[in-house]
Amino acid sequence: MKNDTQAKAYKTPAAQTLSPVRLVEYQDGSVVSREVLKKPTGSVTVFAFDDGQGLSEHTAPFDALVFVLEGEAEITIAGQPHRLNGGEMILMPAGQPHALKALHRFKMILTMIRS
């Protein structure tokens, strides 16, 4: 019962097949996100970045895994740029500065592990 309540709170249906690409839509000049799951041990969020949009350099105290669903992104980790296309993923280690930029519109899943 507890899981059903949490699923409703985040508007993500439990035990149903979903298309992550369809969970967020692009918006001109914006970054859009939708939290799919949030627990004390981590979270899963789907993002849509319009062309040229991004997140400025920052650090996080936890490891994060980025899986690019579609499009093309540049993800810079500790000063080193990485070009990712749909179907590719990269681990952003805890404590290392990172930034993201859409080279073309792209969607991604961010999985943050807090342990």
PDB file of N, CA and C in Angstrom:
ATOM      1  N   MET A   1       0.814  -1.198   0.000  1.00  0.00           N
ATOM      2  CA  MET A   1       0.000   0.000   0.000  1.00  0.00           C
ATOM      3  C   MET A   1       0.856   1.260   0.000  1.00  0.00           C
ATOM      4  N   LYS A   2       1.954   1.256   0.745  1.00  0.00           N
ATOM      5  CA  LYS A   2       2.824   2.419   0.807  1.00  0.00           C
ATOM      6  C   LYS A   2       3.368   2.772  -0.579  1.00  0.00           C
ATOM      7  N   ASN A   3       3.776   1.782  -1.366  1.00  0.00           N
ATOM      8  CA  ASN A   3       4.306   2.050  -2.700  1.00  0.00           C
ATOM      9  C   ASN A   3       3.267   2.703  -3.597  1.00  0.00           C
ATOM     10  N   ASP A   4       2.004   2.299  -3.504  1.00  0.00           N
ATOM     11  CA  ASP A   4       0.954   2.909  -4.316  1.00  0.00           C
ATOM     12  C   ASP A   4       0.811   4.387  -3.981  1.00  0.00           C
ATOM     13  N   THR A   5       0.877   4.741  -2.712  1.00  0.00           N
ATOM     14  CA  THR A   5       0.765   6.137  -2.299  1.00  0.00           C
ATOM     15  C   THR A   5       1.926   6.945  -2.862  1.00  0.00           C
ATOM     16  N   GLN A   6       3.138   6.409  -2.781  1.00  0.00           N
ATOM     17  CA  GLN A   6       4.291   7.125  -3.301  1.00  0.00           C
ATOM     18  C   GLN A   6       4.205   7.274  -4.808  1.00  0.00           C
ATOM     19  N   ALA A   7       3.747   6.245  -5.499  1.00  0.00           N
ATOM     20  CA  ALA A   7       3.610   6.342  -6.952  1.00  0.00           C
ATOM     21  C   ALA A   7       2.635   7.446  -7.319  1.00  0.00           C
ATOM     22  N   LYS A   8       1.525   7.563  -6.597  1.00  0.00           N
ATOM     23  CA  LYS A   8       0.553   8.611  -6.882  1.00  0.00           C
ATOM     24  C   LYS A   8       1.136   9.985  -6.573  1.00  0.00           C
ATOM     25  N   ALA A   9       1.904  10.087  -5.503  1.00  0.00           N
ATOM     26  CA  ALA A   9       2.486  11.372  -5.126  1.00  0.00           C
ATOM     27  C   ALA A   9       3.395  11.909  -6.234  1.00  0.00           C
ATOM     28  N   TYR A  10       4.077  11.032  -6.964  1.00  0.00           N
ATOM     29  CA  TYR A  10       4.979  11.453  -8.024  1.00  0.00           C
ATOM     30  C   TYR A  10       4.345  11.286  -9.401  1.00  0.00           C
ATOM     31  N   LYS A  11       3.054  10.946  -9.446  1.00  0.00           N
ATOM     32  CA  LYS A  11       2.304  10.796 -10.684  1.00  0.00           C
ATOM     33  C   LYS A  11       2.944   9.790 -11.623  1.00  0.00           C
ATOM     34  N   THR A  12       3.610   8.801 -11.077  1.00  0.00           N
ATOM     35  CA  THR A  12       4.189   7.736 -11.866  1.00  0.00           C
ATOM     36  C   THR A  12       3.492   6.447 -11.479  1.00  0.00           C
ATOM     37  N   PRO A  13       2.759   5.868 -12.395  1.00  0.00           N
ATOM     38  CA  PRO A  13       2.022   4.643 -12.050  1.00  0.00           C
ATOM     39  C   PRO A  13       2.964   3.477 -11.794  1.00  0.00           C
ATOM     40  N   ALA A  14       2.668   2.724 -10.754  1.00  0.00           N
ATOM     41  CA  ALA A  14       3.468   1.541 -10.425  1.00  0.00           C
ATOM     42  C   ALA A  14       3.019   0.365 -11.274  1.00  0.00           C
ATOM     43  N   ALA A  15       3.934  -0.535 -11.537  1.00  0.00           N
ATOM     44  CA  ALA A  15       3.669  -1.788 -12.245  1.00  0.00           C
ATOM     45  C   ALA A  15       3.000  -1.562 -13.598  1.00  0.00           C
ATOM     46  N   GLN A  16       3.427  -0.512 -14.312  1.00  0.00           N
ATOM     47  CA  GLN A  16       2.938  -0.243 -15.660  1.00  0.00           C
ATOM     48  C   GLN A  16       4.121   0.065 -16.559  1.00  0.00           C
ATOM     49  N   THR A  17       4.037  -0.375 -17.789  1.00  0.00           N
ATOM     50  CA  THR A  17       5.071  -0.072 -18.763  1.00  0.00           C
ATOM     51  C   THR A  17       4.942   1.385 -19.201  1.00  0.00           C
ATOM     52  N   LEU A  18       6.060   2.098 -19.169  1.00  0.00           N
ATOM     53  CA  LEU A  18       6.085   3.509 -19.563  1.00  0.00           C
ATOM     54  C   LEU A  18       7.178   3.728 -20.604  1.00  0.00           C
ATOM     55  N   SER A  19       6.991   4.713 -21.439  1.00  0.00           N
ATOM     56  CA  SER A  19       8.023   5.148 -22.369  1.00  0.00           C
ATOM     57  C   SER A  19       8.686   6.381 -21.766  1.00  0.00           C
ATOM     58  N   PRO A  20       9.936   6.291 -21.341  1.00  0.00           N
ATOM     59  CA  PRO A  20      10.561   7.456 -20.695  1.00  0.00           C
ATOM     60  C   PRO A  20      10.644   8.673 -21.625  1.00  0.00           C
ATOM     61  N   VAL A  21      10.759   8.450 -22.930  1.00  0.00           N
ATOM     62  CA  VAL A  21      10.820   9.563 -23.875  1.00  0.00           C
ATOM     63  C   VAL A  21       9.530  10.371 -23.842  1.00  0.00           C
ATOM     64  N   ARG A  22       8.421   9.722 -23.525  1.00  0.00           N
ATOM     65  CA  ARG A  22       7.126  10.409 -23.524  1.00  0.00           C
ATOM     66  C   ARG A  22       6.775  11.046 -22.173  1.00  0.00           C
ATOM     67  N   LEU A  23       7.611  10.836 -21.166  1.00  0.00           N
ATOM     68  CA  LEU A  23       7.306  11.385 -19.840  1.00  0.00           C
ATOM     69  C   LEU A  23       7.531  12.888 -19.744  1.00  0.00           C
ATOM     70  N   VAL A  24       8.393  13.431 -20.608  1.00  0.00           N
ATOM     71  CA  VAL A  24       8.626  14.882 -20.650  1.00  0.00           C
ATOM     72  C   VAL A  24       8.626  15.337 -22.104  1.00  0.00           C
ATOM     73  N   GLU A  25       8.165  16.553 -22.323  1.00  0.00           N
ATOM     74  CA  GLU A  25       8.145  17.138 -23.665  1.00  0.00           C
ATOM     75  C   GLU A  25       9.115  18.306 -23.719  1.00  0.00           C
ATOM     76  N   TYR A  26       9.678  18.545 -24.876  1.00  0.00           N
ATOM     77  CA  TYR A  26      10.550  19.695 -25.064  1.00  0.00           C
ATOM     78  C   TYR A  26       9.736  20.988 -24.961  1.00  0.00           C
ATOM     79  N   GLN A  27      10.367  22.015 -24.401  1.00  0.00           N
ATOM     80  CA  GLN A  27       9.797  23.357 -24.387  1.00  0.00           C
ATOM     81  C   GLN A  27      10.869  24.302 -24.887  1.00  0.00           C
ATOM     82  N   ASP A  28      10.508  25.177 -25.792  1.00  0.00           N
ATOM     83  CA  ASP A  28      11.469  26.109 -26.388  1.00  0.00           C
ATOM     84  C   ASP A  28      12.225  26.879 -25.318  1.00  0.00           C
ATOM     85  N   GLY A  29      13.554  26.873 -25.422  1.00  0.00           N
ATOM     86  CA  GLY A  29      14.405  27.643 -24.527  1.00  0.00           C
ATOM     87  C   GLY A  29      14.429  27.172 -23.092  1.00  0.00           C
ATOM     88  N   SER A  30      14.050  25.913 -22.837  1.00  0.00           N
ATOM     89  CA  SER A  30      13.917  25.445 -21.451  1.00  0.00           C
ATOM     90  C   SER A  30      14.514  24.065 -21.228  1.00  0.00           C
ATOM     91  N   VAL A  31      14.662  23.778 -19.948  1.00  0.00           N
ATOM     92  CA  VAL A  31      14.969  22.430 -19.469  1.00  0.00           C
ATOM     93  C   VAL A  31      13.749  21.986 -18.671  1.00  0.00           C
ATOM     94  N   VAL A  32      13.201  20.834 -19.015  1.00  0.00           N
ATOM     95  CA  VAL A  32      12.007  20.314 -18.357  1.00  0.00           C
ATOM     96  C   VAL A  32      12.392  19.010 -17.661  1.00  0.00           C
ATOM     97  N   SER A  33      11.859  18.804 -16.460  1.00  0.00           N
ATOM     98  CA  SER A  33      12.163  17.557 -15.753  1.00  0.00           C
ATOM     99  C   SER A  33      10.906  16.982 -15.119  1.00  0.00           C
ATOM    100  N   ARG A  34      10.959  15.679 -14.911  1.00  0.00           N
ATOM    101  CA  ARG A  34       9.877  14.979 -14.215  1.00  0.00           C
ATOM    102  C   ARG A  34      10.501  13.899 -13.346  1.00  0.00           C
ATOM    103  N   GLU A  35      10.275  14.026 -12.062  1.00  0.00           N
ATOM    104  CA  GLU A  35      10.784  13.037 -11.121  1.00  0.00           C
ATOM    105  C   GLU A  35       9.906  11.792 -11.222  1.00  0.00           C
ATOM    106  N   VAL A  36      10.537  10.662 -11.484  1.00  0.00           N
ATOM    107  CA  VAL A  36       9.826   9.404 -11.655  1.00  0.00           C
ATOM    108  C   VAL A  36       9.762   8.642 -10.341  1.00  0.00           C
ATOM    109  N   LEU A  37      10.848   8.724  -9.588  1.00  0.00           N
ATOM    110  CA  LEU A  37      10.937   7.981  -8.332  1.00  0.00           C
ATOM    111  C   LEU A  37      11.859   8.732  -7.386  1.00  0.00           C
ATOM    112  N   LYS A  38      11.450   8.837  -6.126  1.00  0.00           N
ATOM    113  CA  LYS A  38      12.289   9.484  -5.118  1.00  0.00           C
ATOM    114  C   LYS A  38      12.207   8.675  -3.835  1.00  0.00           C
ATOM    115  N   LYS A  39      13.364   8.250  -3.377  1.00  0.00           N
ATOM    116  CA  LYS A  39      13.498   7.481  -2.145  1.00  0.00           C
ATOM    117  C   LYS A  39      14.673   8.069  -1.356  1.00  0.00           C
ATOM    118  N   PRO A  40      14.766   7.769  -0.067  1.00  0.00           N
ATOM    119  CA  PRO A  40      15.922   8.257   0.698  1.00  0.00           C
ATOM    120  C   PRO A  40      17.265   7.786   0.117  1.00  0.00           C
ATOM    121  N   THR A  41      17.265   6.656  -0.583  1.00  0.00           N
ATOM    122  CA  THR A  41      18.504   6.104  -1.137  1.00  0.00           C
ATOM    123  C   THR A  41      18.821   6.587  -2.544  1.00  0.00           C
ATOM    124  N   GLY A  42      17.909   7.326  -3.166  1.00  0.00           N
ATOM    125  CA  GLY A  42      18.187   7.832  -4.499  1.00  0.00           C
ATOM    126  C   GLY A  42      16.949   8.274  -5.236  1.00  0.00           C
ATOM    127  N   SER A  43      17.159   8.720  -6.480  1.00  0.00           N
ATOM    128  CA  SER A  43      16.043   9.210  -7.285  1.00  0.00           C
ATOM    129  C   SER A  43      16.296   8.918  -8.755  1.00  0.00           C
ATOM    130  N   VAL A  44      15.197   8.946  -9.526  1.00  0.00           N
ATOM    131  CA  VAL A  44      15.241   8.792 -10.975  1.00  0.00           C
ATOM    132  C   VAL A  44      14.430   9.941 -11.557  1.00  0.00           C
ATOM    133  N   THR A  45      15.049  10.716 -12.451  1.00  0.00           N
ATOM    134  CA  THR A  45      14.405  11.878 -13.043  1.00  0.00           C
ATOM    135  C   THR A  45      14.632  11.866 -14.547  1.00  0.00           C
ATOM    136  N   VAL A  46      13.585  12.183 -15.311  1.00  0.00           N
ATOM    137  CA  VAL A  46      13.697  12.296 -16.761  1.00  0.00           C
ATOM    138  C   VAL A  46      13.745  13.782 -17.109  1.00  0.00           C
ATOM    139  N   PHE A  47      14.678  14.155 -17.990  1.00  0.00           N
ATOM    140  CA  PHE A  47      14.866  15.543 -18.405  1.00  0.00           C
ATOM    141  C   PHE A  47      14.713  15.679 -19.913  1.00  0.00           C
ATOM    142  N   ALA A  48      14.250  16.853 -20.350  1.00  0.00           N
ATOM    143  CA  ALA A  48      14.251  17.240 -21.761  1.00  0.00           C
ATOM    144  C   ALA A  48      14.936  18.596 -21.858  1.00  0.00           C
ATOM    145  N   PHE A  49      16.002  18.685 -22.645  1.00  0.00           N
ATOM    146  CA  PHE A  49      16.766  19.921 -22.828  1.00  0.00           C
ATOM    147  C   PHE A  49      16.538  20.433 -24.246  1.00  0.00           C
ATOM    148  N   ASP A  50      16.124  21.675 -24.372  1.00  0.00           N
ATOM    149  CA  ASP A  50      16.017  22.275 -25.694  1.00  0.00           C
ATOM    150  C   ASP A  50      17.427  22.543 -26.217  1.00  0.00           C
ATOM    151  N   ASP A  51      17.548  22.704 -27.513  1.00  0.00           N
ATOM    152  CA  ASP A  51      18.826  22.953 -28.172  1.00  0.00           C
ATOM    153  C   ASP A  51      19.553  24.114 -27.494  1.00  0.00           C
ATOM    154  N   GLY A  52      20.808  23.889 -27.097  1.00  0.00           N
ATOM    155  CA  GLY A  52      21.623  24.932 -26.483  1.00  0.00           C
ATOM    156  C   GLY A  52      21.435  25.118 -24.993  1.00  0.00           C
ATOM    157  N   GLN A  53      20.427  24.478 -24.412  1.00  0.00           N
ATOM    158  CA  GLN A  53      20.173  24.608 -22.971  1.00  0.00           C
ATOM    159  C   GLN A  53      21.094  23.669 -22.196  1.00  0.00           C
ATOM    160  N   GLY A  54      21.248  23.910 -20.897  1.00  0.00           N
ATOM    161  CA  GLY A  54      22.111  23.050 -20.103  1.00  0.00           C
ATOM    162  C   GLY A  54      22.008  23.329 -18.624  1.00  0.00           C
ATOM    163  N   LEU A  55      22.890  22.683 -17.900  1.00  0.00           N
ATOM    164  CA  LEU A  55      23.045  22.906 -16.466  1.00  0.00           C
ATOM    165  C   LEU A  55      24.486  23.337 -16.243  1.00  0.00           C
ATOM    166  N   SER A  56      24.676  24.449 -15.546  1.00  0.00           N
ATOM    167  CA  SER A  56      26.018  24.959 -15.314  1.00  0.00           C
ATOM    168  C   SER A  56      26.799  24.028 -14.391  1.00  0.00           C
ATOM    169  N   GLU A  57      28.102  24.210 -14.376  1.00  0.00           N
ATOM    170  CA  GLU A  57      28.969  23.339 -13.592  1.00  0.00           C
ATOM    171  C   GLU A  57      28.576  23.354 -12.111  1.00  0.00           C
ATOM    172  N   HIS A  58      28.508  22.173 -11.545  1.00  0.00           N
ATOM    173  CA  HIS A  58      28.183  22.006 -10.129  1.00  0.00           C
ATOM    174  C   HIS A  58      28.734  20.659  -9.676  1.00  0.00           C
ATOM    175  N   THR A  59      28.699  20.414  -8.392  1.00  0.00           N
ATOM    176  CA  THR A  59      29.115  19.117  -7.855  1.00  0.00           C
ATOM    177  C   THR A  59      27.951  18.532  -7.065  1.00  0.00           C
ATOM    178  N   ALA A  60      27.986  17.237  -6.915  1.00  0.00           N
ATOM    179  CA  ALA A  60      26.983  16.529  -6.121  1.00  0.00           C
ATOM    180  C   ALA A  60      27.717  15.562  -5.198  1.00  0.00           C
ATOM    181  N   PRO A  61      27.194  15.353  -4.008  1.00  0.00           N
ATOM    182  CA  PRO A  61      27.873  14.464  -3.066  1.00  0.00           C
ATOM    183  C   PRO A  61      27.618  12.982  -3.344  1.00  0.00           C
ATOM    184  N   PHE A  62      26.896  12.676  -4.435  1.00  0.00           N
ATOM    185  CA  PHE A  62      26.530  11.296  -4.744  1.00  0.00           C
ATOM    186  C   PHE A  62      26.849  10.973  -6.197  1.00  0.00           C
ATOM    187  N   ASP A  63      27.090   9.691  -6.479  1.00  0.00           N
ATOM    188  CA  ASP A  63      27.251   9.253  -7.860  1.00  0.00           C
ATOM    189  C   ASP A  63      25.940   9.448  -8.605  1.00  0.00           C
ATOM    190  N   ALA A  64      26.047   9.754  -9.894  1.00  0.00           N
ATOM    191  CA  ALA A  64      24.865   9.909 -10.740  1.00  0.00           C
ATOM    192  C   ALA A  64      25.142   9.261 -12.088  1.00  0.00           C
ATOM    193  N   LEU A  65      24.160   8.558 -12.607  1.00  0.00           N
ATOM    194  CA  LEU A  65      24.260   7.907 -13.907  1.00  0.00           C
ATOM    195  C   LEU A  65      23.327   8.627 -14.866  1.00  0.00           C
ATOM    196  N   VAL A  66      23.867   9.078 -16.000  1.00  0.00           N
ATOM    197  CA  VAL A  66      23.076   9.723 -17.041  1.00  0.00           C
ATOM    198  C   VAL A  66      22.944   8.747 -18.204  1.00  0.00           C
ATOM    199  N   PHE A  67      21.694   8.505 -18.618  1.00  0.00           N
ATOM    200  CA  PHE A  67      21.417   7.697 -19.798  1.00  0.00           C
ATOM    201  C   PHE A  67      20.698   8.592 -20.796  1.00  0.00           C
ATOM    202  N   VAL A  68      21.332   8.845 -21.942  1.00  0.00           N
ATOM    203  CA  VAL A  68      20.743   9.703 -22.966  1.00  0.00           C
ATOM    204  C   VAL A  68      19.749   8.879 -23.773  1.00  0.00           C
ATOM    205  N   LEU A  69      18.507   9.323 -23.781  1.00  0.00           N
ATOM    206  CA  LEU A  69      17.439   8.617 -24.487  1.00  0.00           C
ATOM    207  C   LEU A  69      17.430   8.951 -25.975  1.00  0.00           C
ATOM    208  N   GLU A  70      17.583  10.238 -26.293  1.00  0.00           N
ATOM    209  CA  GLU A  70      17.593  10.685 -27.692  1.00  0.00           C
ATOM    210  C   GLU A  70      18.321  12.013 -27.756  1.00  0.00           C
ATOM    211  N   GLY A  71      18.792  12.350 -28.951  1.00  0.00           N
ATOM    212  CA  GLY A  71      19.468  13.620 -29.151  1.00  0.00           C
ATOM    213  C   GLY A  71      20.957  13.525 -28.883  1.00  0.00           C
ATOM    214  N   GLU A  72      21.570  14.680 -28.625  1.00  0.00           N
ATOM    215  CA  GLU A  72      23.017  14.746 -28.449  1.00  0.00           C
ATOM    216  C   GLU A  72      23.375  15.768 -27.375  1.00  0.00           C
ATOM    217  N   ALA A  73      24.252  15.353 -26.462  1.00  0.00           N
ATOM    218  CA  ALA A  73      24.641  16.214 -25.340  1.00  0.00           C
ATOM    219  C   ALA A  73      26.143  16.208 -25.160  1.00  0.00           C
ATOM    220  N   GLU A  74      26.633  17.301 -24.571  1.00  0.00           N
ATOM    221  CA  GLU A  74      28.009  17.336 -24.101  1.00  0.00           C
ATOM    222  C   GLU A  74      27.950  17.380 -22.580  1.00  0.00           C
ATOM    223  N   ILE A  75      28.577  16.395 -21.963  1.00  0.00           N
ATOM    224  CA  ILE A  75      28.634  16.325 -20.506  1.00  0.00           C
ATOM    225  C   ILE A  75      30.101  16.446 -20.123  1.00  0.00           C
ATOM    226  N   THR A  76      30.406  17.499 -19.382  1.00  0.00           N
ATOM    227  CA  THR A  76      31.778  17.757 -18.964  1.00  0.00           C
ATOM    228  C   THR A  76      31.924  17.313 -17.514  1.00  0.00           C
ATOM    229  N   ILE A  77      32.918  16.464 -17.277  1.00  0.00           N
ATOM    230  CA  ILE A  77      33.189  15.946 -15.931  1.00  0.00           C
ATOM    231  C   ILE A  77      34.645  16.245 -15.600  1.00  0.00           C
ATOM    232  N   ALA A  78      34.868  16.976 -14.520  1.00  0.00           N
ATOM    233  CA  ALA A  78      36.218  17.354 -14.081  1.00  0.00           C
ATOM    234  C   ALA A  78      37.009  17.978 -15.233  1.00  0.00           C
ATOM    235  N   GLY A  79      36.338  18.851 -15.998  1.00  0.00           N
ATOM    236  CA  GLY A  79      36.998  19.575 -17.078  1.00  0.00           C
ATOM    237  C   GLY A  79      37.114  18.827 -18.391  1.00  0.00           C
ATOM    238  N   GLN A  80      36.734  17.557 -18.442  1.00  0.00           N
ATOM    239  CA  GLN A  80      36.850  16.774 -19.669  1.00  0.00           C
ATOM    240  C   GLN A  80      35.473  16.606 -20.329  1.00  0.00           C
ATOM    241  N   PRO A  81      35.323  17.119 -21.561  1.00  0.00           N
ATOM    242  CA  PRO A  81      34.036  16.992 -22.246  1.00  0.00           C
ATOM    243  C   PRO A  81      33.823  15.587 -22.814  1.00  0.00           C
ATOM    244  N   HIS A  82      32.577  15.129 -22.755  1.00  0.00           N
ATOM    245  CA  HIS A  82      32.173  13.839 -23.310  1.00  0.00           C
ATOM    246  C   HIS A  82      30.936  14.080 -24.161  1.00  0.00           C
ATOM    247  N   ARG A  83      30.982  13.619 -25.402  1.00  0.00           N
ATOM    248  CA  ARG A  83      29.843  13.778 -26.318  1.00  0.00           C
ATOM    249  C   ARG A  83      29.027  12.487 -26.279  1.00  0.00           C
ATOM    250  N   LEU A  84      27.747  12.604 -25.935  1.00  0.00           N
ATOM    251  CA  LEU A  84      26.876  11.436 -25.844  1.00  0.00           C
ATOM    252  C   LEU A  84      25.697  11.575 -26.789  1.00  0.00           C
ATOM    253  N   ASN A  85      25.305  10.445 -27.378  1.00  0.00           N
ATOM    254  CA  ASN A  85      24.143  10.365 -28.250  1.00  0.00           C
ATOM    255  C   ASN A  85      23.132   9.421 -27.638  1.00  0.00           C
ATOM    256  N   GLY A  86      21.912   9.442 -28.184  1.00  0.00           N
ATOM    257  CA  GLY A  86      20.873   8.543 -27.706  1.00  0.00           C
ATOM    258  C   GLY A  86      21.374   7.114 -27.613  1.00  0.00           C
ATOM    259  N   GLY A  87      21.061   6.455 -26.488  1.00  0.00           N
ATOM    260  CA  GLY A  87      21.479   5.082 -26.262  1.00  0.00           C
ATOM    261  C   GLY A  87      22.782   4.944 -25.499  1.00  0.00           C
ATOM    262  N   GLU A  88      23.443   6.070 -25.193  1.00  0.00           N
ATOM    263  CA  GLU A  88      24.707   6.026 -24.457  1.00  0.00           C
ATOM    264  C   GLU A  88      24.514   6.549 -23.046  1.00  0.00           C
ATOM    265  N   MET A  89      25.426   6.147 -22.146  1.00  0.00           N
ATOM    266  CA  MET A  89      25.342   6.606 -20.762  1.00  0.00           C
ATOM    267  C   MET A  89      26.726   6.891 -20.223  1.00  0.00           C
ATOM    268  N   ILE A  90      26.763   7.642 -19.107  1.00  0.00           N
ATOM    269  CA  ILE A  90      28.018   7.987 -18.457  1.00  0.00           C
ATOM    270  C   ILE A  90      27.781   8.122 -16.962  1.00  0.00           C
ATOM    271  N   LEU A  91      28.772   7.732 -16.177  1.00  0.00           N
ATOM    272  CA  LEU A  91      28.720   7.878 -14.725  1.00  0.00           C
ATOM    273  C   LEU A  91      29.401   9.175 -14.340  1.00  0.00           C
ATOM    274  N   MET A  92      28.707   9.994 -13.557  1.00  0.00           N
ATOM    275  CA  MET A  92      29.288  11.218 -13.018  1.00  0.00           C
ATOM    276  C   MET A  92      29.634  10.933 -11.559  1.00  0.00           C
ATOM    277  N   PRO A  93      30.921  10.780 -11.259  1.00  0.00           N
ATOM    278  CA  PRO A  93      31.325  10.407  -9.894  1.00  0.00           C
ATOM    279  C   PRO A  93      31.025  11.496  -8.863  1.00  0.00           C
ATOM    280  N   ALA A  94      30.722  11.075  -7.669  1.00  0.00           N
ATOM    281  CA  ALA A  94      30.470  11.985  -6.550  1.00  0.00           C
ATOM    282  C   ALA A  94      31.656  12.913  -6.362  1.00  0.00           C
ATOM    283  N   GLY A  95      31.351  14.169  -6.062  1.00  0.00           N
ATOM    284  CA  GLY A  95      32.389  15.135  -5.720  1.00  0.00           C
ATOM    285  C   GLY A  95      33.145  15.730  -6.891  1.00  0.00           C
ATOM    286  N   GLN A  96      32.898  15.285  -8.120  1.00  0.00           N
ATOM    287  CA  GLN A  96      33.591  15.848  -9.279  1.00  0.00           C
ATOM    288  C   GLN A  96      32.681  16.849  -9.977  1.00  0.00           C
ATOM    289  N   PRO A  97      33.208  18.027 -10.306  1.00  0.00           N
ATOM    290  CA  PRO A  97      32.378  19.029 -10.972  1.00  0.00           C
ATOM    291  C   PRO A  97      31.924  18.526 -12.342  1.00  0.00           C
ATOM    292  N   HIS A  98      30.675  18.818 -12.679  1.00  0.00           N
ATOM    293  CA  HIS A  98      30.142  18.399 -13.974  1.00  0.00           C
ATOM    294  C   HIS A  98      29.134  19.434 -14.483  1.00  0.00           C
ATOM    295  N   ALA A  99      28.953  19.437 -15.794  1.00  0.00           N
ATOM    296  CA  ALA A  99      28.014  20.343 -16.456  1.00  0.00           C
ATOM    297  C   ALA A  99      27.429  19.609 -17.656  1.00  0.00           C
ATOM    298  N   LEU A 100      26.234  20.023 -18.085  1.00  0.00           N
ATOM    299  CA  LEU A 100      25.566  19.408 -19.225  1.00  0.00           C
ATOM    300  C   LEU A 100      25.127  20.489 -20.193  1.00  0.00           C
ATOM    301  N   LYS A 101      25.218  20.192 -21.506  1.00  0.00           N
ATOM    302  CA  LYS A 101      24.764  21.125 -22.525  1.00  0.00           C
ATOM    303  C   LYS A 101      24.166  20.340 -23.685  1.00  0.00           C
ATOM    304  N   ALA A 102      23.024  20.795 -24.177  1.00  0.00           N
ATOM    305  CA  ALA A 102      22.385  20.166 -25.338  1.00  0.00           C
ATOM    306  C   ALA A 102      23.055  20.655 -26.612  1.00  0.00           C
ATOM    307  N   LEU A 103      23.713  19.753 -27.328  1.00  0.00           N
ATOM    308  CA  LEU A 103      24.263  20.098 -28.637  1.00  0.00           C
ATOM    309  C   LEU A 103      23.130  20.120 -29.666  1.00  0.00           C
ATOM    310  N   HIS A 104      22.164  19.265 -29.434  1.00  0.00           N
ATOM    311  CA  HIS A 104      20.872  19.225 -30.124  1.00  0.00           C
ATOM    312  C   HIS A 104      19.881  18.864 -29.032  1.00  0.00           C
ATOM    313  N   ARG A 105      18.622  19.129 -29.243  1.00  0.00           N
ATOM    314  CA  ARG A 105      17.634  18.725 -28.231  1.00  0.00           C
ATOM    315  C   ARG A 105      17.932  17.301 -27.781  1.00  0.00           C
ATOM    316  N   PHE A 106      17.858  17.102 -26.453  1.00  0.00           N
ATOM    317  CA  PHE A 106      18.063  15.737 -25.982  1.00  0.00           C
ATOM    318  C   PHE A 106      17.246  15.470 -24.736  1.00  0.00           C
ATOM    319  N   LYS A 107      16.981  14.179 -24.525  1.00  0.00           N
ATOM    320  CA  LYS A 107      16.299  13.720 -23.331  1.00  0.00           C
ATOM    321  C   LYS A 107      17.204  12.710 -22.637  1.00  0.00           C
ATOM    322  N   MET A 108      17.120  12.705 -21.297  1.00  0.00           N
ATOM    323  CA  MET A 108      17.967  11.802 -20.527  1.00  0.00           C
ATOM    324  C   MET A 108      17.250  11.348 -19.271  1.00  0.00           C
ATOM    325  N   ILE A 109      17.738  10.233 -18.744  1.00  0.00           N
ATOM    326  CA  ILE A 109      17.316   9.763 -17.427  1.00  0.00           C
ATOM    327  C   ILE A 109      18.511   9.964 -16.507  1.00  0.00           C
ATOM    328  N   LEU A 110      18.273  10.622 -15.378  1.00  0.00           N
ATOM    329  CA  LEU A 110      19.301  10.809 -14.347  1.00  0.00           C
ATOM    330  C   LEU A 110      18.941   9.919 -13.162  1.00  0.00           C
ATOM    331  N   THR A 111      19.849   9.012 -12.838  1.00  0.00           N
ATOM    332  CA  THR A 111      19.678   8.148 -11.674  1.00  0.00           C
ATOM    333  C   THR A 111      20.719   8.547 -10.637  1.00  0.00           C
ATOM    334  N   MET A 112      20.257   9.030  -9.502  1.00  0.00           N
ATOM    335  CA  MET A 112      21.140   9.474  -8.413  1.00  0.00           C
ATOM    336  C   MET A 112      21.103   8.422  -7.311  1.00  0.00           C
ATOM    337  N   ILE A 113      22.277   7.974  -6.901  1.00  0.00           N
ATOM    338  CA  ILE A 113      22.393   6.976  -5.832  1.00  0.00           C
ATOM    339  C   ILE A 113      22.979   7.670  -4.598  1.00  0.00           C
ATOM    340  N   ARG A 114      22.246   7.623  -3.492  1.00  0.00           N
ATOM    341  CA  ARG A 114      22.651   8.340  -2.281  1.00  0.00           C
ATOM    342  C   ARG A 114      23.202   7.427  -1.209  1.00  0.00           C
ATOM    343  N   SER A 115      24.041   6.514  -1.555  1.00  0.00           N
ATOM    344  CA  SER A 115      24.636   5.648  -0.527  1.00  0.00           C
ATOM    345  C   SER A 115      26.005   5.191  -0.952  1.00  0.00           C
TER     346      SER A 115
END
